[in-house]
């Protein structure tokens, strides 16, 4: 019984040791793109570049399995 409990605790520790990434709701994503598109229309591409960089990082981490 102790071995099973110890194994279970170790598994929980391993699962909880992953990196934490912010989770965006669908409404938050839409709002981010609206703001970025408005900024881009005004000649400021900074917000859109931030979104693109965030997407690249998340895609790389998803491929790694984090």
PDB file of N, CA and C in Angstrom:
ATOM      1  N   UNK A   1       0.823  -1.196   0.000  1.00  0.00           N
ATOM      2  CA  UNK A   1       0.000   0.000   0.000  1.00  0.00           C
ATOM      3  C   UNK A   1       0.872   1.266   0.000  1.00  0.00           C
ATOM      4  N   UNK A   2       1.947   1.216   0.769  1.00  0.00           N
ATOM      5  CA  UNK A   2       2.843   2.371   0.836  1.00  0.00           C
ATOM      6  C   UNK A   2       3.502   2.626  -0.511  1.00  0.00           C
ATOM      7  N   UNK A   3       3.837   1.550  -1.226  1.00  0.00           N
ATOM      8  CA  UNK A   3       4.474   1.700  -2.536  1.00  0.00           C
ATOM      9  C   UNK A   3       3.522   2.355  -3.532  1.00  0.00           C
ATOM     10  N   UNK A   4       2.273   1.957  -3.479  1.00  0.00           N
ATOM     11  CA  UNK A   4       1.269   2.531  -4.387  1.00  0.00           C
ATOM     12  C   UNK A   4       1.072   4.007  -4.080  1.00  0.00           C
ATOM     13  N   UNK A   5       0.979   4.350  -2.816  1.00  0.00           N
ATOM     14  CA  UNK A   5       0.809   5.746  -2.410  1.00  0.00           C
ATOM     15  C   UNK A   5       2.029   6.576  -2.807  1.00  0.00           C
ATOM     16  N   UNK A   6       3.210   6.031  -2.618  1.00  0.00           N
ATOM     17  CA  UNK A   6       4.440   6.724  -2.996  1.00  0.00           C
ATOM     18  C   UNK A   6       4.503   6.927  -4.507  1.00  0.00           C
ATOM     19  N   UNK A   7       4.159   5.915  -5.270  1.00  0.00           N
ATOM     20  CA  UNK A   7       4.142   6.010  -6.726  1.00  0.00           C
ATOM     21  C   UNK A   7       3.134   7.060  -7.191  1.00  0.00           C
ATOM     22  N   UNK A   8       1.981   7.083  -6.564  1.00  0.00           N
ATOM     23  CA  UNK A   8       0.952   8.072  -6.895  1.00  0.00           C
ATOM     24  C   UNK A   8       1.449   9.489  -6.609  1.00  0.00           C
ATOM     25  N   UNK A   9       2.096   9.691  -5.473  1.00  0.00           N
ATOM     26  CA  UNK A   9       2.629  11.017  -5.124  1.00  0.00           C
ATOM     27  C   UNK A   9       3.709  11.452  -6.107  1.00  0.00           C
ATOM     28  N   UNK A  10       4.568  10.547  -6.506  1.00  0.00           N
ATOM     29  CA  UNK A  10       5.621  10.881  -7.470  1.00  0.00           C
ATOM     30  C   UNK A  10       5.013  11.269  -8.807  1.00  0.00           C
ATOM     31  N   UNK A  11       3.991  10.541  -9.234  1.00  0.00           N
ATOM     32  CA  UNK A  11       3.313  10.880 -10.494  1.00  0.00           C
ATOM     33  C   UNK A  11       2.684  12.265 -10.426  1.00  0.00           C
ATOM     34  N   UNK A  12       2.072  12.593  -9.307  1.00  0.00           N
ATOM     35  CA  UNK A  12       1.479  13.924  -9.148  1.00  0.00           C
ATOM     36  C   UNK A  12       2.539  15.016  -9.211  1.00  0.00           C
ATOM     37  N   UNK A  13       3.670  14.776  -8.615  1.00  0.00           N
ATOM     38  CA  UNK A  13       4.756  15.757  -8.638  1.00  0.00           C
ATOM     39  C   UNK A  13       5.267  15.955 -10.056  1.00  0.00           C
ATOM     40  N   UNK A  14       5.439  14.871 -10.793  1.00  0.00           N
ATOM     41  CA  UNK A  14       5.924  14.976 -12.173  1.00  0.00           C
ATOM     42  C   UNK A  14       4.942  15.730 -13.061  1.00  0.00           C
ATOM     43  N   UNK A  15       3.663  15.490 -12.880  1.00  0.00           N
ATOM     44  CA  UNK A  15       2.653  16.166 -13.691  1.00  0.00           C
ATOM     45  C   UNK A  15       2.602  17.650 -13.369  1.00  0.00           C
ATOM     46  N   UNK A  16       2.775  17.994 -12.120  1.00  0.00           N
ATOM     47  CA  UNK A  16       2.658  19.396 -11.719  1.00  0.00           C
ATOM     48  C   UNK A  16       3.919  20.211 -11.990  1.00  0.00           C
ATOM     49  N   UNK A  17       4.975  19.605 -12.482  1.00  0.00           N
ATOM     50  CA  UNK A  17       6.235  20.315 -12.719  1.00  0.00           C
ATOM     51  C   UNK A  17       6.339  20.922 -14.110  1.00  0.00           C
ATOM     52  N   UNK A  18       5.271  21.014 -14.852  1.00  0.00           N
ATOM     53  CA  UNK A  18       5.313  21.598 -16.191  1.00  0.00           C
ATOM     54  C   UNK A  18       5.327  23.114 -16.138  1.00  0.00           C
ATOM     55  N   UNK A  19       5.591  23.728 -17.288  1.00  0.00           N
ATOM     56  CA  UNK A  19       5.589  25.184 -17.377  1.00  0.00           C
ATOM     57  C   UNK A  19       4.155  25.687 -17.404  1.00  0.00           C
ATOM     58  N   UNK A  20       3.969  26.871 -16.863  1.00  0.00           N
ATOM     59  CA  UNK A  20       2.640  27.481 -16.842  1.00  0.00           C
ATOM     60  C   UNK A  20       2.540  28.535 -17.929  1.00  0.00           C
ATOM     61  N   UNK A  21       1.544  28.400 -18.780  1.00  0.00           N
ATOM     62  CA  UNK A  21       1.275  29.377 -19.822  1.00  0.00           C
ATOM     63  C   UNK A  21      -0.122  29.928 -19.600  1.00  0.00           C
ATOM     64  N   UNK A  22      -0.269  31.200 -19.876  1.00  0.00           N
ATOM     65  CA  UNK A  22      -1.570  31.834 -19.701  1.00  0.00           C
ATOM     66  C   UNK A  22      -2.558  31.258 -20.711  1.00  0.00           C
ATOM     67  N   UNK A  23      -3.769  30.983 -20.240  1.00  0.00           N
ATOM     68  CA  UNK A  23      -4.818  30.441 -21.095  1.00  0.00           C
ATOM     69  C   UNK A  23      -5.776  31.571 -21.427  1.00  0.00           C
ATOM     70  N   UNK A  24      -6.011  31.779 -22.721  1.00  0.00           N
ATOM     71  CA  UNK A  24      -6.891  32.846 -23.170  1.00  0.00           C
ATOM     72  C   UNK A  24      -8.234  32.269 -23.588  1.00  0.00           C
ATOM     73  N   UNK A  25      -9.315  32.946 -23.214  1.00  0.00           N
ATOM     74  CA  UNK A  25     -10.635  32.533 -23.665  1.00  0.00           C
ATOM     75  C   UNK A  25     -10.832  33.009 -25.095  1.00  0.00           C
ATOM     76  N   UNK A  26     -11.877  32.502 -25.724  1.00  0.00           N
ATOM     77  CA  UNK A  26     -12.151  32.889 -27.108  1.00  0.00           C
ATOM     78  C   UNK A  26     -12.431  34.391 -27.201  1.00  0.00           C
ATOM     79  N   UNK A  27     -13.141  34.937 -26.226  1.00  0.00           N
ATOM     80  CA  UNK A  27     -13.445  36.370 -26.220  1.00  0.00           C
ATOM     81  C   UNK A  27     -12.166  37.201 -26.065  1.00  0.00           C
ATOM     82  N   UNK A  28     -11.250  36.744 -25.222  1.00  0.00           N
ATOM     83  CA  UNK A  28      -9.987  37.456 -25.038  1.00  0.00           C
ATOM     84  C   UNK A  28      -9.167  37.447 -26.322  1.00  0.00           C
ATOM     85  N   UNK A  29      -9.162  36.306 -27.017  1.00  0.00           N
ATOM     86  CA  UNK A  29      -8.419  36.215 -28.276  1.00  0.00           C
ATOM     87  C   UNK A  29      -8.995  37.169 -29.316  1.00  0.00           C
ATOM     88  N   UNK A  30     -10.320  37.212 -29.412  1.00  0.00           N
ATOM     89  CA  UNK A  30     -10.961  38.120 -30.370  1.00  0.00           C
ATOM     90  C   UNK A  30     -10.614  39.564 -30.052  1.00  0.00           C
ATOM     91  N   UNK A  31     -10.652  39.911 -28.775  1.00  0.00           N
ATOM     92  CA  UNK A  31     -10.341  41.278 -28.357  1.00  0.00           C
ATOM     93  C   UNK A  31      -8.886  41.629 -28.671  1.00  0.00           C
ATOM     94  N   UNK A  32      -7.979  40.681 -28.456  1.00  0.00           N
ATOM     95  CA  UNK A  32      -6.568  40.918 -28.772  1.00  0.00           C
ATOM     96  C   UNK A  32      -6.390  41.201 -30.257  1.00  0.00           C
ATOM     97  N   UNK A  33      -7.058  40.416 -31.103  1.00  0.00           N
ATOM     98  CA  UNK A  33      -6.929  40.615 -32.546  1.00  0.00           C
ATOM     99  C   UNK A  33      -7.582  41.917 -32.993  1.00  0.00           C
ATOM    100  N   UNK A  34      -8.714  42.285 -32.380  1.00  0.00           N
ATOM    101  CA  UNK A  34      -9.359  43.557 -32.726  1.00  0.00           C
ATOM    102  C   UNK A  34      -8.424  44.726 -32.428  1.00  0.00           C
ATOM    103  N   UNK A  35      -7.831  44.706 -31.251  1.00  0.00           N
ATOM    104  CA  UNK A  35      -6.908  45.777 -30.859  1.00  0.00           C
ATOM    105  C   UNK A  35      -5.702  45.808 -31.792  1.00  0.00           C
ATOM    106  N   UNK A  36      -5.162  44.621 -32.102  1.00  0.00           N
ATOM    107  CA  UNK A  36      -3.991  44.550 -32.982  1.00  0.00           C
ATOM    108  C   UNK A  36      -4.318  45.060 -34.378  1.00  0.00           C
ATOM    109  N   UNK A  37      -5.493  44.727 -34.891  1.00  0.00           N
ATOM    110  CA  UNK A  37      -5.876  45.189 -36.227  1.00  0.00           C
ATOM    111  C   UNK A  37      -6.099  46.698 -36.256  1.00  0.00           C
ATOM    112  N   UNK A  38      -6.696  47.246 -35.188  1.00  0.00           N
ATOM    113  CA  UNK A  38      -6.878  48.698 -35.117  1.00  0.00           C
ATOM    114  C   UNK A  38      -5.525  49.404 -35.083  1.00  0.00           C
ATOM    115  N   UNK A  39      -4.605  48.857 -34.289  1.00  0.00           N
ATOM    116  CA  UNK A  39      -3.267  49.446 -34.212  1.00  0.00           C
ATOM    117  C   UNK A  39      -2.548  49.350 -35.558  1.00  0.00           C
ATOM    118  N   UNK A  40      -2.742  48.223 -36.243  1.00  0.00           N
ATOM    119  CA  UNK A  40      -2.080  48.035 -37.535  1.00  0.00           C
ATOM    120  C   UNK A  40      -2.623  49.008 -38.579  1.00  0.00           C
ATOM    121  N   UNK A  41      -3.918  49.299 -38.520  1.00  0.00           N
ATOM    122  CA  UNK A  41      -4.504  50.280 -39.435  1.00  0.00           C
ATOM    123  C   UNK A  41      -3.920  51.665 -39.205  1.00  0.00           C
ATOM    124  N   UNK A  42      -3.558  51.948 -37.960  1.00  0.00           N
ATOM    125  CA  UNK A  42      -2.965  53.242 -37.623  1.00  0.00           C
ATOM    126  C   UNK A  42      -1.464  53.287 -37.907  1.00  0.00           C
ATOM    127  N   UNK A  43      -0.914  52.194 -38.424  1.00  0.00           N
ATOM    128  CA  UNK A  43       0.503  52.178 -38.770  1.00  0.00           C
ATOM    129  C   UNK A  43       1.401  51.565 -37.717  1.00  0.00           C
ATOM    130  N   UNK A  44       0.833  51.095 -36.617  1.00  0.00           N
ATOM    131  CA  UNK A  44       1.622  50.495 -35.546  1.00  0.00           C
ATOM    132  C   UNK A  44       1.446  48.978 -35.598  1.00  0.00           C
ATOM    133  N   UNK A  45       2.498  48.275 -35.965  1.00  0.00           N
ATOM    134  CA  UNK A  45       2.419  46.821 -36.136  1.00  0.00           C
ATOM    135  C   UNK A  45       2.913  46.069 -34.893  1.00  0.00           C
ATOM    136  N   UNK A  46       3.203  46.749 -33.828  1.00  0.00           N
ATOM    137  CA  UNK A  46       3.801  46.149 -32.641  1.00  0.00           C
ATOM    138  C   UNK A  46       2.899  45.082 -32.007  1.00  0.00           C
ATOM    139  N   UNK A  47       1.614  45.352 -31.856  1.00  0.00           N
ATOM    140  CA  UNK A  47       0.702  44.392 -31.221  1.00  0.00           C
ATOM    141  C   UNK A  47       0.599  43.106 -32.039  1.00  0.00           C
ATOM    142  N   UNK A  48       0.534  43.250 -33.371  1.00  0.00           N
ATOM    143  CA  UNK A  48       0.421  42.075 -34.227  1.00  0.00           C
ATOM    144  C   UNK A  48       1.695  41.232 -34.143  1.00  0.00           C
ATOM    145  N   UNK A  49       2.844  41.881 -34.047  1.00  0.00           N
ATOM    146  CA  UNK A  49       4.107  41.156 -33.907  1.00  0.00           C
ATOM    147  C   UNK A  49       4.165  40.417 -32.574  1.00  0.00           C
ATOM    148  N   UNK A  50       3.625  41.019 -31.516  1.00  0.00           N
ATOM    149  CA  UNK A  50       3.584  40.356 -30.213  1.00  0.00           C
ATOM    150  C   UNK A  50       2.732  39.095 -30.282  1.00  0.00           C
ATOM    151  N   UNK A  51       1.602  39.177 -30.963  1.00  0.00           N
ATOM    152  CA  UNK A  51       0.723  38.017 -31.108  1.00  0.00           C
ATOM    153  C   UNK A  51       1.424  36.926 -31.914  1.00  0.00           C
ATOM    154  N   UNK A  52       2.113  37.309 -32.982  1.00  0.00           N
ATOM    155  CA  UNK A  52       2.821  36.333 -33.809  1.00  0.00           C
ATOM    156  C   UNK A  52       3.928  35.638 -33.015  1.00  0.00           C
ATOM    157  N   UNK A  53       4.666  36.397 -32.194  1.00  0.00           N
ATOM    158  CA  UNK A  53       5.718  35.804 -31.369  1.00  0.00           C
ATOM    159  C   UNK A  53       5.124  34.844 -30.343  1.00  0.00           C
ATOM    160  N   UNK A  54       4.006  35.237 -29.735  1.00  0.00           N
ATOM    161  CA  UNK A  54       3.335  34.380 -28.766  1.00  0.00           C
ATOM    162  C   UNK A  54       2.887  33.075 -29.418  1.00  0.00           C
ATOM    163  N   UNK A  55       2.343  33.168 -30.626  1.00  0.00           N
ATOM    164  CA  UNK A  55       1.902  31.971 -31.346  1.00  0.00           C
ATOM    165  C   UNK A  55       3.084  31.055 -31.663  1.00  0.00           C
ATOM    166  N   UNK A  56       4.220  31.624 -32.050  1.00  0.00           N
ATOM    167  CA  UNK A  56       5.409  30.821 -32.345  1.00  0.00           C
ATOM    168  C   UNK A  56       5.881  30.073 -31.102  1.00  0.00           C
ATOM    169  N   UNK A  57       5.923  30.772 -29.969  1.00  0.00           N
ATOM    170  CA  UNK A  57       6.370  30.150 -28.724  1.00  0.00           C
ATOM    171  C   UNK A  57       5.422  29.023 -28.330  1.00  0.00           C
ATOM    172  N   UNK A  58       4.127  29.276 -28.415  1.00  0.00           N
ATOM    173  CA  UNK A  58       3.159  28.256 -28.028  1.00  0.00           C
ATOM    174  C   UNK A  58       3.206  27.051 -28.963  1.00  0.00           C
ATOM    175  N   UNK A  59       3.420  27.277 -30.251  1.00  0.00           N
ATOM    176  CA  UNK A  59       3.524  26.160 -31.195  1.00  0.00           C
ATOM    177  C   UNK A  59       4.762  25.311 -30.908  1.00  0.00           C
ATOM    178  N   UNK A  60       5.885  25.965 -30.626  1.00  0.00           N
ATOM    179  CA  UNK A  60       7.108  25.223 -30.304  1.00  0.00           C
ATOM    180  C   UNK A  60       6.939  24.392 -29.037  1.00  0.00           C
ATOM    181  N   UNK A  61       6.349  24.984 -28.017  1.00  0.00           N
ATOM    182  CA  UNK A  61       6.152  24.263 -26.761  1.00  0.00           C
ATOM    183  C   UNK A  61       5.141  23.133 -26.924  1.00  0.00           C
ATOM    184  N   UNK A  62       4.139  23.326 -27.778  1.00  0.00           N
ATOM    185  CA  UNK A  62       3.165  22.265 -28.027  1.00  0.00           C
ATOM    186  C   UNK A  62       3.831  21.081 -28.718  1.00  0.00           C
ATOM    187  N   UNK A  63       4.762  21.361 -29.619  1.00  0.00           N
ATOM    188  CA  UNK A  63       5.482  20.283 -30.300  1.00  0.00           C
ATOM    189  C   UNK A  63       6.388  19.528 -29.332  1.00  0.00           C
ATOM    190  N   UNK A  64       6.938  20.250 -28.350  1.00  0.00           N
ATOM    191  CA  UNK A  64       7.792  19.613 -27.348  1.00  0.00           C
ATOM    192  C   UNK A  64       6.974  18.763 -26.384  1.00  0.00           C
ATOM    193  N   UNK A  65       5.707  19.122 -26.214  1.00  0.00           N
ATOM    194  CA  UNK A  65       4.850  18.366 -25.302  1.00  0.00           C
ATOM    195  C   UNK A  65       4.614  19.045 -23.973  1.00  0.00           C
ATOM    196  N   UNK A  66       5.014  20.290 -23.826  1.00  0.00           N
ATOM    197  CA  UNK A  66       4.794  21.011 -22.564  1.00  0.00           C
ATOM    198  C   UNK A  66       3.419  21.586 -22.542  1.00  0.00           C
TER     199      UNK A  66
END
